[in-house]
Every structure is written in C-alpha cells, then in structure tokens.
Amino acid sequence: MINRLRETWNTGKPALNGWLAIPSTFSAEIMSHQNFDSITIDLQHGLTDYSIAVPMMQAMSASDATMLCRVPWLEAGIIMKLLDAGAMGIICPMINSREEAEEFVGATLYSPDGYRSSGPVRANIIHPDYHNSANDQIISLAMIETEQAVENAEAICSTPGLTGIYVGPSDLAISMGEGPGLDRGPGKVYDAIQHVLTTAKASGIRAGLHCMDPDYIKKMYECGFDFASLSNDVRLLTQVVTSQINAVRS
C-alpha cells in the first residue's frame, strides 16, 4: 500500500496538501497531477458529497498523491464509507476533547485498535492486502479549531492511534473573538496555534495547518509544522482569473 504522505514524513520533510472544494472529477484530476504529497476532498465546507467524492477519487487514481477526505462532522458512518471507498486518511472537524478524539480514531481503525466495520469495497481493489495493512497506513487528523480544543490540546494529542492534529485558523479565530481568516499574524490566535504545534510535537504526532500563501506555508514549515494545505481549488481558480482580468482591464 503506497502512502506518499507517510513516505514524505519518513524522510523528515514536511508535506504539501491540495484542497478540493469543487465537485468535479476533471478539476480533481488536474489538481492531482500537480506536485502535491496529498489531496483532500472537502465534504464539510466544499460543495462535495459522497456520491461525487468517490468518482473524484477514481479520477485521481493515476496520481501518487495520498487521497484524504475531510468529513462533514464526527460521524462514524461517513468516515467508514470514505475509507471503504479508498480514502487513505480522514480529517475530522471540531474535535474538542479526548473523548471525541478517541471516537474519531476508533472509526478509522479495525479491531483490536478501533471499531471500524469491515467492508472495504473499493479500497480492497486498489490497495493490496488492505485489511492487514490499513491500521498502519490510514491517517487520522483531528481538527483543532476552537478555544476549548486548544485548552484540551494535551489530552487530544495524547490519544492513542491519532496520526496528528490539523489547525483550522478561521474557526479558531472566531472562537477567540476575532474575525475569520487564514495566515494569522502575531497575536493570541497565532500564539494558540504555536501552543498546539508544541503540544503535538511533545506528544510525538504530526501537526498540520490550513494556509493561504506559499510564503506563509514555508514560514510554518520552519516553525515545525509537518503538513500544510495550499488554499483550495476555488480560491486558486478565483485568484488566477481575477489576476488575468485585472491585467486586461488595466
């Protein structure tokens, strides 16, 4: 079972993640042929549901990028269905406690490590020896995106079997009384993000962050983050089209 994301981490390098919010097999295929270590299909805030997420994964089959999905919420059914469909990892939003982290991890792992039900209908076709290797390969990233989660960071990060945490800066900022937005500058939100990073490192797990700007990503790599997402397909498309139109109209 090839897992480029884990292989990148094993070399000591940070990973770059692509983010898909557009429900299109073609745009997913285009993104998958770029040099991302992983690609995440967003079923929470993207316009994608399970019915299109599966064909999107099929469209990306030729890519060696690790296929991840962000689920809409902490709900075992959709986590297991996406893993059965071939996703190699799950990002789960709004994990605020150790108990929620344990519930999340349990849904991604087969017994005795978790309670995932066996039925990898597509995963079994595309990943050799799937059942015996899945628990060692599946990636679980718990989203830290509230003040409560920051306060419980040590308990969350010490959850057995959890691959890592993934900071959502916008929701975290809102929960701390500030406006939404990525790429936070100095201030209490930035300090909270750094605290979560330090806690994850102390627990021996991976730390990820959603970002907007390439230079900010490089700065976060230097801080110690193992994983960062570069904007999303909607924003990247909008950015390029806006730039081109402005160039013409100027």
Protein backbone atom coordinates (compact mmCIF):
# COMPACT_ATOMS: atom_id res chain seq x y z
CA MET A 1 0.00 0.00 0.00
CA ILE A 2 1.75 3.16 -1.25
CA ASN A 3 1.30 6.18 1.00
CA ARG A 4 3.22 9.17 -0.33
CA LEU A 5 2.26 11.31 2.66
CA ARG A 6 3.78 8.90 5.16
CA GLU A 7 6.81 8.40 2.92
CA THR A 8 7.36 12.18 2.82
CA TRP A 9 7.17 12.37 6.60
CA ASN A 10 9.53 9.41 6.95
CA THR A 11 12.19 11.34 5.01
CA GLY A 12 11.92 14.16 7.54
CA LYS A 13 10.31 16.56 5.08
CA PRO A 14 7.05 18.49 5.57
CA ALA A 15 4.17 17.64 3.26
CA LEU A 16 2.12 19.87 0.95
CA ASN A 17 -1.60 19.17 0.68
CA GLY A 18 -4.03 20.19 -2.06
CA TRP A 19 -7.64 21.00 -1.21
CA LEU A 20 -10.71 20.26 -3.33
CA ALA A 21 -13.99 22.09 -2.74
CA ILE A 22 -15.28 21.94 -6.34
CA PRO A 23 -17.42 18.83 -7.03
CA SER A 24 -15.75 17.96 -10.34
CA THR A 25 -13.82 14.90 -11.46
CA PHE A 26 -11.91 16.96 -14.04
CA SER A 27 -10.70 19.68 -11.69
CA ALA A 28 -9.80 16.93 -9.19
CA GLU A 29 -7.78 15.17 -11.89
CA ILE A 30 -5.98 18.43 -12.79
CA MET A 31 -5.11 19.11 -9.15
CA SER A 32 -3.91 15.54 -8.63
CA HIS A 33 -1.33 15.91 -11.41
CA GLN A 34 0.34 18.79 -9.61
CA ASN A 35 3.17 18.08 -7.18
CA PHE A 36 1.12 17.62 -4.00
CA ASP A 37 2.00 14.97 -1.43
CA SER A 38 -1.68 14.57 -0.62
CA ILE A 39 -5.06 15.81 -1.86
CA THR A 40 -8.06 16.40 0.41
CA ILE A 41 -11.65 16.25 -0.79
CA ASP A 42 -13.69 18.57 1.41
CA LEU A 43 -17.12 17.17 2.30
CA GLN A 44 -17.64 19.73 5.07
CA HIS A 45 -17.42 23.19 3.52
CA GLY A 46 -16.87 22.15 -0.08
CA LEU A 47 -19.78 21.54 -2.45
CA THR A 48 -19.00 17.83 -2.48
CA ASP A 49 -20.92 14.86 -1.09
CA TYR A 50 -20.17 11.13 -1.03
CA SER A 51 -21.72 10.49 -4.45
CA ILE A 52 -19.23 12.76 -6.22
CA ALA A 53 -16.32 12.19 -3.81
CA VAL A 54 -15.97 8.58 -4.99
CA PRO A 55 -15.72 9.46 -8.73
CA MET A 56 -13.28 12.23 -7.80
CA MET A 57 -11.05 9.66 -6.10
CA GLN A 58 -11.35 7.45 -9.17
CA ALA A 59 -10.33 10.38 -11.39
CA MET A 60 -7.21 10.83 -9.25
CA SER A 61 -6.21 7.15 -9.37
CA ALA A 62 -3.22 7.81 -11.64
CA SER A 63 -1.71 10.22 -9.11
CA ASP A 64 0.61 9.11 -6.32
CA ALA A 65 -0.74 11.82 -4.02
CA THR A 66 -2.33 10.35 -0.89
CA MET A 67 -6.11 10.66 -1.02
CA LEU A 68 -7.64 12.27 2.09
CA CYS A 69 -11.18 13.40 2.87
CA ARG A 70 -12.50 15.94 5.35
CA VAL A 71 -15.79 14.63 6.68
CA PRO A 72 -18.73 16.93 7.48
CA TRP A 73 -18.64 16.07 11.19
CA LEU A 74 -17.63 13.45 13.72
CA GLU A 75 -19.88 10.65 12.50
CA ALA A 76 -18.60 7.09 12.16
CA GLY A 77 -20.75 6.15 9.18
CA ILE A 78 -19.32 8.64 6.69
CA ILE A 79 -15.78 8.11 7.99
CA MET A 80 -16.02 4.36 7.34
CA LYS A 81 -17.73 4.78 3.94
CA LEU A 82 -15.00 7.11 2.67
CA LEU A 83 -12.27 4.75 3.88
CA ASP A 84 -14.07 1.83 2.23
CA ALA A 85 -14.16 3.90 -0.98
CA GLY A 86 -10.38 4.19 -0.94
CA ALA A 87 -9.52 7.31 1.06
CA MET A 88 -6.21 6.83 2.84
CA GLY A 89 -6.96 9.30 5.59
CA ILE A 90 -9.62 11.39 7.27
CA ILE A 91 -9.56 14.96 8.55
CA CYS A 92 -12.31 15.40 11.14
CA PRO A 93 -13.58 18.87 12.12
CA MET A 94 -14.28 20.30 15.56
CA ILE A 95 -12.56 17.77 17.80
CA ASN A 96 -12.78 19.43 21.21
CA SER A 97 -11.98 16.69 23.71
CA ARG A 98 -10.06 13.46 24.31
CA GLU A 99 -13.36 11.54 24.16
CA GLU A 100 -14.18 12.92 20.71
CA ALA A 101 -10.64 12.20 19.51
CA GLU A 102 -10.96 8.59 20.71
CA GLU A 103 -14.30 8.22 18.94
CA PHE A 104 -12.76 9.59 15.75
CA VAL A 105 -9.68 7.38 15.81
CA GLY A 106 -11.75 4.30 16.63
CA ALA A 107 -13.84 4.77 13.48
CA THR A 108 -10.69 4.72 11.31
CA LEU A 109 -9.16 1.52 12.70
CA TYR A 110 -10.12 -2.13 12.64
CA SER A 111 -10.31 -4.19 15.85
CA PRO A 112 -8.48 -4.51 18.18
CA ASP A 113 -7.29 -0.91 17.74
CA GLY A 114 -10.70 0.53 16.85
CA TYR A 115 -14.26 -0.35 15.93
CA ARG A 116 -14.25 0.17 12.16
CA SER A 117 -16.58 -2.21 10.36
CA SER A 118 -15.05 -4.41 7.67
CA GLY A 119 -16.26 -3.90 4.10
CA PRO A 120 -13.57 -2.11 2.06
CA VAL A 121 -15.45 -2.45 -1.22
CA ARG A 122 -13.20 -0.22 -3.38
CA ALA A 123 -10.22 0.06 -1.03
CA ASN A 124 -9.72 -3.70 -1.28
CA ILE A 125 -9.41 -3.42 -5.08
CA ILE A 126 -6.89 -0.59 -5.22
CA HIS A 127 -4.79 -1.32 -2.11
CA PRO A 128 -3.07 -4.75 -1.86
CA ASP A 129 -3.51 -6.72 1.37
CA TYR A 130 -5.80 -3.95 2.57
CA HIS A 131 -7.19 -5.36 5.80
CA ASN A 132 -3.79 -6.34 7.19
CA SER A 133 -2.10 -3.05 6.32
CA ALA A 134 -4.89 -0.50 6.82
CA ASN A 135 -4.35 0.19 10.54
CA ASP A 136 -0.70 1.02 9.90
CA GLN A 137 -1.40 3.25 6.90
CA ILE A 138 -4.67 5.12 7.50
CA ILE A 139 -4.10 8.73 8.55
CA SER A 140 -6.30 10.42 11.16
CA LEU A 141 -6.04 14.19 11.61
CA ALA A 142 -8.17 15.79 14.32
CA MET A 143 -9.03 19.42 13.69
CA ILE A 144 -8.17 21.84 16.47
CA GLU A 145 -10.30 24.90 15.76
CA THR A 146 -11.86 26.15 18.98
CA GLU A 147 -10.58 27.70 22.20
CA GLN A 148 -11.87 24.62 24.03
CA ALA A 149 -9.79 22.35 21.80
CA VAL A 150 -6.68 24.45 22.46
CA GLU A 151 -7.29 24.11 26.20
CA ASN A 152 -7.64 20.33 25.73
CA ALA A 153 -4.75 20.06 23.27
CA GLU A 154 -2.57 17.89 25.50
CA ALA A 155 -5.38 15.39 26.10
CA ILE A 156 -6.33 15.32 22.40
CA CYS A 157 -2.75 14.94 21.18
CA SER A 158 -2.10 12.03 23.53
CA THR A 159 -4.97 9.98 22.06
CA PRO A 160 -3.64 6.52 21.13
CA GLY A 161 -3.59 5.92 17.38
CA LEU A 162 -4.10 9.55 16.37
CA THR A 163 -1.80 10.45 13.48
CA GLY A 164 -1.89 14.17 14.10
CA ILE A 165 -3.81 17.38 14.51
CA TYR A 166 -4.87 19.90 11.87
CA VAL A 167 -5.40 23.50 12.89
CA GLY A 168 -8.31 25.43 11.36
CA PRO A 169 -7.27 29.07 11.87
CA SER A 170 -10.56 30.69 10.82
CA ASP A 171 -12.85 28.87 13.24
CA LEU A 172 -10.20 29.12 15.94
CA ALA A 173 -10.06 32.90 15.49
CA ILE A 174 -13.85 33.18 15.64
CA SER A 175 -13.98 31.13 18.85
CA MET A 176 -11.40 33.53 20.33
CA GLY A 177 -13.44 36.61 19.48
CA GLU A 178 -11.69 37.64 16.28
CA GLY A 179 -12.69 37.66 12.61
CA PRO A 180 -12.19 34.67 10.31
CA GLY A 181 -9.14 34.27 8.12
CA LEU A 182 -6.07 32.17 7.46
CA ASP A 183 -2.35 33.02 7.75
CA ARG A 184 -2.63 34.62 11.18
CA GLY A 185 -0.06 37.21 12.24
CA PRO A 186 1.25 37.83 15.77
CA GLY A 187 -1.47 37.81 18.41
CA LYS A 188 -3.46 35.46 20.59
CA VAL A 189 -4.64 33.24 17.72
CA TYR A 190 -1.09 32.83 16.44
CA ASP A 191 0.09 32.06 19.97
CA ALA A 192 -2.65 29.43 20.31
CA ILE A 193 -1.56 27.84 17.02
CA GLN A 194 2.03 27.70 18.20
CA HIS A 195 0.91 26.17 21.51
CA VAL A 196 -0.94 23.42 19.65
CA LEU A 197 2.12 22.80 17.48
CA THR A 198 4.38 22.49 20.52
CA THR A 199 1.89 20.15 22.21
CA ALA A 200 1.63 17.91 19.15
CA LYS A 201 5.41 17.68 18.86
CA ALA A 202 5.72 16.82 22.54
CA SER A 203 3.19 14.02 22.02
CA GLY A 204 5.09 12.64 19.04
CA ILE A 205 2.33 13.21 16.48
CA ARG A 206 2.08 15.24 13.28
CA ALA A 207 0.91 18.85 13.12
CA GLY A 208 -0.90 20.38 10.16
CA LEU A 209 -2.32 23.79 9.29
CA HIS A 210 -4.59 25.28 6.64
CA CYS A 211 -2.85 28.19 4.89
CA MET A 212 -3.35 30.61 2.03
CA ASP A 213 0.01 31.99 0.91
CA PRO A 214 3.09 29.95 -0.16
CA ASP A 215 5.46 32.15 1.85
CA TYR A 216 3.35 31.64 4.96
CA ILE A 217 3.47 27.88 4.44
CA LYS A 218 7.26 27.99 4.29
CA LYS A 219 7.30 30.02 7.49
CA MET A 220 5.08 27.42 9.19
CA TYR A 221 7.34 24.63 7.96
CA GLU A 222 10.23 26.44 9.64
CA CYS A 223 8.19 26.59 12.85
CA GLY A 224 7.88 22.81 12.74
CA PHE A 225 4.59 22.03 11.02
CA ASP A 226 4.67 18.69 9.17
CA PHE A 227 1.71 19.33 6.89
CA ALA A 228 0.13 22.38 5.27
CA SER A 229 -2.68 22.94 2.79
CA LEU A 230 -2.27 25.47 -0.01
CA SER A 231 -5.57 27.41 -0.13
CA ASN A 232 -8.18 25.43 -2.13
CA ASP A 233 -9.21 24.95 -5.74
CA VAL A 234 -11.96 27.60 -5.54
CA ARG A 235 -9.62 30.29 -4.23
CA LEU A 236 -6.79 29.35 -6.60
CA LEU A 237 -9.09 29.48 -9.63
CA THR A 238 -10.58 32.79 -8.49
CA GLN A 239 -7.14 34.24 -7.84
CA VAL A 240 -5.80 33.38 -11.28
CA VAL A 241 -8.92 34.52 -13.17
CA THR A 242 -9.10 37.79 -11.22
CA SER A 243 -5.42 38.46 -11.89
CA GLN A 244 -5.82 37.83 -15.61
CA ILE A 245 -8.93 40.01 -15.90
CA ASN A 246 -7.27 42.85 -13.98
CA ALA A 247 -4.27 42.61 -16.29
CA VAL A 248 -6.52 43.02 -19.33
CA ARG A 249 -8.65 45.81 -17.91
CA SER A 250 -5.68 47.78 -16.68
